[in-house]
């Protein structure tokens, strides 16, 4: 459901599809690598759209 909420903010759909597909892999390493790559792609798009800002607390 959360991936669906990101649709309007992600012009490129490949990270969302990759995240979904990678999560269902049976190979642990492949699943972790795919989900991490997809997550990075999602974050990159959200930053470009101005929807994601990192907050650093001392």
PDB file of N, CA and C in Angstrom:
ATOM      1  N   UNK A   1       0.821  -1.188   0.000  1.00  0.00           N
ATOM      2  CA  UNK A   1       0.000   0.000   0.000  1.00  0.00           C
ATOM      3  C   UNK A   1       0.869   1.257   0.000  1.00  0.00           C
ATOM      4  N   UNK A   2       1.967   1.239   0.731  1.00  0.00           N
ATOM      5  CA  UNK A   2       2.837   2.414   0.795  1.00  0.00           C
ATOM      6  C   UNK A   2       3.444   2.717  -0.571  1.00  0.00           C
ATOM      7  N   UNK A   3       3.780   1.677  -1.341  1.00  0.00           N
ATOM      8  CA  UNK A   3       4.349   1.912  -2.668  1.00  0.00           C
ATOM      9  C   UNK A   3       3.350   2.655  -3.549  1.00  0.00           C
ATOM     10  N   UNK A   4       2.098   2.354  -3.400  1.00  0.00           N
ATOM     11  CA  UNK A   4       1.055   3.019  -4.190  1.00  0.00           C
ATOM     12  C   UNK A   4       0.988   4.513  -3.856  1.00  0.00           C
ATOM     13  N   UNK A   5       1.243   4.870  -2.610  1.00  0.00           N
ATOM     14  CA  UNK A   5       1.231   6.277  -2.200  1.00  0.00           C
ATOM     15  C   UNK A   5       2.383   7.053  -2.828  1.00  0.00           C
ATOM     16  N   UNK A   6       3.433   6.342  -3.214  1.00  0.00           N
ATOM     17  CA  UNK A   6       4.594   6.998  -3.813  1.00  0.00           C
ATOM     18  C   UNK A   6       4.436   7.239  -5.315  1.00  0.00           C
ATOM     19  N   UNK A   7       3.464   6.604  -5.938  1.00  0.00           N
ATOM     20  CA  UNK A   7       3.286   6.715  -7.393  1.00  0.00           C
ATOM     21  C   UNK A   7       3.277   8.150  -7.916  1.00  0.00           C
ATOM     22  N   UNK A   8       2.544   9.068  -7.297  1.00  0.00           N
ATOM     23  CA  UNK A   8       2.514  10.432  -7.850  1.00  0.00           C
ATOM     24  C   UNK A   8       3.852  11.165  -7.763  1.00  0.00           C
ATOM     25  N   UNK A   9       4.731  10.703  -6.890  1.00  0.00           N
ATOM     26  CA  UNK A   9       5.994  11.394  -6.670  1.00  0.00           C
ATOM     27  C   UNK A   9       7.168  10.766  -7.419  1.00  0.00           C
ATOM     28  N   UNK A  10       6.939   9.635  -8.053  1.00  0.00           N
ATOM     29  CA  UNK A  10       8.004   8.912  -8.761  1.00  0.00           C
ATOM     30  C   UNK A  10       7.684   8.838 -10.242  1.00  0.00           C
ATOM     31  N   UNK A  11       8.266   9.727 -11.046  1.00  0.00           N
ATOM     32  CA  UNK A  11       7.990   9.690 -12.476  1.00  0.00           C
ATOM     33  C   UNK A  11       8.485   8.396 -13.131  1.00  0.00           C
ATOM     34  N   UNK A  12       9.576   7.853 -12.616  1.00  0.00           N
ATOM     35  CA  UNK A  12      10.074   6.577 -13.129  1.00  0.00           C
ATOM     36  C   UNK A  12       9.518   5.473 -12.242  1.00  0.00           C
ATOM     37  N   UNK A  13       8.873   4.502 -12.839  1.00  0.00           N
ATOM     38  CA  UNK A  13       8.195   3.451 -12.061  1.00  0.00           C
ATOM     39  C   UNK A  13       9.086   2.249 -11.753  1.00  0.00           C
ATOM     40  N   UNK A  14      10.265   2.165 -12.378  1.00  0.00           N
ATOM     41  CA  UNK A  14      11.101   0.978 -12.191  1.00  0.00           C
ATOM     42  C   UNK A  14      11.490   0.736 -10.737  1.00  0.00           C
ATOM     43  N   UNK A  15      11.787   1.761  -9.921  1.00  0.00           N
ATOM     44  CA  UNK A  15      12.166   1.436  -8.548  1.00  0.00           C
ATOM     45  C   UNK A  15      11.019   0.819  -7.749  1.00  0.00           C
ATOM     46  N   UNK A  16       9.812   1.270  -8.015  1.00  0.00           N
ATOM     47  CA  UNK A  16       8.648   0.728  -7.298  1.00  0.00           C
ATOM     48  C   UNK A  16       8.412  -0.730  -7.698  1.00  0.00           C
ATOM     49  N   UNK A  17       8.506  -1.010  -8.996  1.00  0.00           N
ATOM     50  CA  UNK A  17       8.319  -2.382  -9.476  1.00  0.00           C
ATOM     51  C   UNK A  17       9.442  -3.285  -8.980  1.00  0.00           C
ATOM     52  N   UNK A  18      10.675  -2.774  -8.997  1.00  0.00           N
ATOM     53  CA  UNK A  18      11.814  -3.563  -8.524  1.00  0.00           C
ATOM     54  C   UNK A  18      11.689  -3.870  -7.041  1.00  0.00           C
ATOM     55  N   UNK A  19      11.237  -2.904  -6.257  1.00  0.00           N
ATOM     56  CA  UNK A  19      11.069  -3.127  -4.816  1.00  0.00           C
ATOM     57  C   UNK A  19      10.065  -4.255  -4.579  1.00  0.00           C
ATOM     58  N   UNK A  20       8.953  -4.178  -5.280  1.00  0.00           N
ATOM     59  CA  UNK A  20       7.903  -5.191  -5.127  1.00  0.00           C
ATOM     60  C   UNK A  20       8.404  -6.570  -5.553  1.00  0.00           C
ATOM     61  N   UNK A  21       9.049  -6.637  -6.702  1.00  0.00           N
ATOM     62  CA  UNK A  21       9.534  -7.910  -7.220  1.00  0.00           C
ATOM     63  C   UNK A  21      10.665  -8.483  -6.371  1.00  0.00           C
ATOM     64  N   UNK A  22      11.557  -7.627  -5.917  1.00  0.00           N
ATOM     65  CA  UNK A  22      12.696  -8.097  -5.115  1.00  0.00           C
ATOM     66  C   UNK A  22      12.251  -8.644  -3.769  1.00  0.00           C
ATOM     67  N   UNK A  23      11.217  -8.064  -3.216  1.00  0.00           N
ATOM     68  CA  UNK A  23      10.731  -8.520  -1.919  1.00  0.00           C
ATOM     69  C   UNK A  23      10.205  -9.940  -1.929  1.00  0.00           C
ATOM     70  N   UNK A  24       9.859 -10.439  -3.086  1.00  0.00           N
ATOM     71  CA  UNK A  24       9.304 -11.795  -3.165  1.00  0.00           C
ATOM     72  C   UNK A  24      10.338 -12.841  -3.576  1.00  0.00           C
ATOM     73  N   UNK A  25      11.601 -12.439  -3.738  1.00  0.00           N
ATOM     74  CA  UNK A  25      12.645 -13.401  -4.111  1.00  0.00           C
ATOM     75  C   UNK A  25      12.937 -14.340  -2.952  1.00  0.00           C
ATOM     76  N   UNK A  26      13.296 -15.556  -3.275  1.00  0.00           N
ATOM     77  CA  UNK A  26      13.628 -16.527  -2.231  1.00  0.00           C
ATOM     78  C   UNK A  26      15.090 -16.457  -1.827  1.00  0.00           C
ATOM     79  N   UNK A  27      15.937 -15.953  -2.702  1.00  0.00           N
ATOM     80  CA  UNK A  27      17.364 -15.824  -2.409  1.00  0.00           C
ATOM     81  C   UNK A  27      17.570 -14.593  -1.518  1.00  0.00           C
ATOM     82  N   UNK A  28      18.095 -14.800  -0.296  1.00  0.00           N
ATOM     83  CA  UNK A  28      18.249 -13.703   0.662  1.00  0.00           C
ATOM     84  C   UNK A  28      19.136 -12.579   0.159  1.00  0.00           C
ATOM     85  N   UNK A  29      20.269 -12.933  -0.426  1.00  0.00           N
ATOM     86  CA  UNK A  29      21.202 -11.914  -0.893  1.00  0.00           C
ATOM     87  C   UNK A  29      20.597 -11.132  -2.055  1.00  0.00           C
ATOM     88  N   UNK A  30      20.000 -11.842  -2.996  1.00  0.00           N
ATOM     89  CA  UNK A  30      19.355 -11.179  -4.127  1.00  0.00           C
ATOM     90  C   UNK A  30      18.215 -10.279  -3.685  1.00  0.00           C
ATOM     91  N   UNK A  31      17.456 -10.743  -2.705  1.00  0.00           N
ATOM     92  CA  UNK A  31      16.344  -9.948  -2.185  1.00  0.00           C
ATOM     93  C   UNK A  31      16.880  -8.666  -1.541  1.00  0.00           C
ATOM     94  N   UNK A  32      17.901  -8.793  -0.710  1.00  0.00           N
ATOM     95  CA  UNK A  32      18.466  -7.627  -0.026  1.00  0.00           C
ATOM     96  C   UNK A  32      19.054  -6.629  -1.020  1.00  0.00           C
ATOM     97  N   UNK A  33      19.774  -7.128  -2.019  1.00  0.00           N
ATOM     98  CA  UNK A  33      20.379  -6.236  -3.007  1.00  0.00           C
ATOM     99  C   UNK A  33      19.320  -5.528  -3.841  1.00  0.00           C
ATOM    100  N   UNK A  34      18.309  -6.269  -4.256  1.00  0.00           N
ATOM    101  CA  UNK A  34      17.248  -5.678  -5.077  1.00  0.00           C
ATOM    102  C   UNK A  34      16.440  -4.643  -4.320  1.00  0.00           C
ATOM    103  N   UNK A  35      16.093  -4.951  -3.080  1.00  0.00           N
ATOM    104  CA  UNK A  35      15.311  -4.016  -2.273  1.00  0.00           C
ATOM    105  C   UNK A  35      16.137  -2.763  -1.975  1.00  0.00           C
ATOM    106  N   UNK A  36      17.419  -2.928  -1.689  1.00  0.00           N
ATOM    107  CA  UNK A  36      18.276  -1.778  -1.408  1.00  0.00           C
ATOM    108  C   UNK A  36      18.419  -0.886  -2.641  1.00  0.00           C
ATOM    109  N   UNK A  37      18.653  -1.483  -3.792  1.00  0.00           N
ATOM    110  CA  UNK A  37      18.777  -0.700  -5.029  1.00  0.00           C
ATOM    111  C   UNK A  37      17.480   0.045  -5.336  1.00  0.00           C
ATOM    112  N   UNK A  38      16.360  -0.637  -5.169  1.00  0.00           N
ATOM    113  CA  UNK A  38      15.072  -0.006  -5.428  1.00  0.00           C
ATOM    114  C   UNK A  38      14.809   1.130  -4.442  1.00  0.00           C
ATOM    115  N   UNK A  39      15.125   0.909  -3.174  1.00  0.00           N
ATOM    116  CA  UNK A  39      14.928   1.935  -2.153  1.00  0.00           C
ATOM    117  C   UNK A  39      15.743   3.186  -2.488  1.00  0.00           C
ATOM    118  N   UNK A  40      16.988   2.984  -2.897  1.00  0.00           N
ATOM    119  CA  UNK A  40      17.833   4.122  -3.267  1.00  0.00           C
ATOM    120  C   UNK A  40      17.244   4.886  -4.450  1.00  0.00           C
ATOM    121  N   UNK A  41      16.690   4.151  -5.422  1.00  0.00           N
ATOM    122  CA  UNK A  41      16.051   4.798  -6.566  1.00  0.00           C
ATOM    123  C   UNK A  41      14.811   5.586  -6.165  1.00  0.00           C
ATOM    124  N   UNK A  42      14.047   5.052  -5.235  1.00  0.00           N
ATOM    125  CA  UNK A  42      12.846   5.745  -4.748  1.00  0.00           C
ATOM    126  C   UNK A  42      13.240   7.021  -4.011  1.00  0.00           C
ATOM    127  N   UNK A  43      14.225   6.920  -3.127  1.00  0.00           N
ATOM    128  CA  UNK A  43      14.673   8.085  -2.360  1.00  0.00           C
ATOM    129  C   UNK A  43      15.202   9.164  -3.299  1.00  0.00           C
ATOM    130  N   UNK A  44      15.962   8.784  -4.308  1.00  0.00           N
ATOM    131  CA  UNK A  44      16.505   9.747  -5.267  1.00  0.00           C
ATOM    132  C   UNK A  44      15.373  10.522  -5.955  1.00  0.00           C
ATOM    133  N   UNK A  45      14.332   9.814  -6.355  1.00  0.00           N
ATOM    134  CA  UNK A  45      13.213  10.481  -7.024  1.00  0.00           C
ATOM    135  C   UNK A  45      12.434  11.382  -6.064  1.00  0.00           C
ATOM    136  N   UNK A  46      12.265  10.931  -4.831  1.00  0.00           N
ATOM    137  CA  UNK A  46      11.557  11.757  -3.846  1.00  0.00           C
ATOM    138  C   UNK A  46      12.338  13.031  -3.539  1.00  0.00           C
ATOM    139  N   UNK A  47      13.650  12.944  -3.493  1.00  0.00           N
ATOM    140  CA  UNK A  47      14.472  14.136  -3.272  1.00  0.00           C
ATOM    141  C   UNK A  47      14.319  15.114  -4.424  1.00  0.00           C
ATOM    142  N   UNK A  48      14.357  14.598  -5.660  1.00  0.00           N
ATOM    143  CA  UNK A  48      14.186  15.458  -6.837  1.00  0.00           C
ATOM    144  C   UNK A  48      12.826  16.138  -6.837  1.00  0.00           C
ATOM    145  N   UNK A  49      11.808  15.433  -6.349  1.00  0.00           N
ATOM    146  CA  UNK A  49      10.452  15.984  -6.317  1.00  0.00           C
ATOM    147  C   UNK A  49      10.247  16.934  -5.138  1.00  0.00           C
ATOM    148  N   UNK A  50      11.236  17.018  -4.245  1.00  0.00           N
ATOM    149  CA  UNK A  50      11.115  17.890  -3.082  1.00  0.00           C
ATOM    150  C   UNK A  50      10.259  17.304  -1.977  1.00  0.00           C
ATOM    151  N   UNK A  51      10.076  15.994  -1.987  1.00  0.00           N
ATOM    152  CA  UNK A  51       9.215  15.317  -1.015  1.00  0.00           C
ATOM    153  C   UNK A  51       9.969  14.611   0.094  1.00  0.00           C
ATOM    154  N   UNK A  52      11.285  14.658   0.045  1.00  0.00           N
ATOM    155  CA  UNK A  52      12.077  13.952   1.038  1.00  0.00           C
ATOM    156  C   UNK A  52      13.242  14.824   1.460  1.00  0.00           C
ATOM    157  N   UNK A  53      13.374  14.998   2.751  1.00  0.00           N
ATOM    158  CA  UNK A  53      14.457  15.801   3.275  1.00  0.00           C
ATOM    159  C   UNK A  53      15.038  15.081   4.491  1.00  0.00           C
ATOM    160  N   UNK A  54      16.344  14.928   4.486  1.00  0.00           N
ATOM    161  CA  UNK A  54      16.982  14.276   5.631  1.00  0.00           C
ATOM    162  C   UNK A  54      17.103  15.267   6.764  1.00  0.00           C
ATOM    163  N   UNK A  55      16.812  14.800   7.953  1.00  0.00           N
ATOM    164  CA  UNK A  55      16.926  15.629   9.136  1.00  0.00           C
ATOM    165  C   UNK A  55      18.001  15.030  10.022  1.00  0.00           C
ATOM    166  N   UNK A  56      19.029  15.809  10.299  1.00  0.00           N
ATOM    167  CA  UNK A  56      20.117  15.347  11.152  1.00  0.00           C
ATOM    168  C   UNK A  56      19.962  15.992  12.524  1.00  0.00           C
ATOM    169  N   UNK A  57      19.933  15.158  13.530  1.00  0.00           N
ATOM    170  CA  UNK A  57      19.839  15.666  14.899  1.00  0.00           C
ATOM    171  C   UNK A  57      21.155  15.414  15.603  1.00  0.00           C
ATOM    172  N   UNK A  58      21.671  16.432  16.289  1.00  0.00           N
ATOM    173  CA  UNK A  58      22.957  16.257  16.991  1.00  0.00           C
ATOM    174  C   UNK A  58      22.859  15.330  18.184  1.00  0.00           C
TER     175      UNK A  58
END
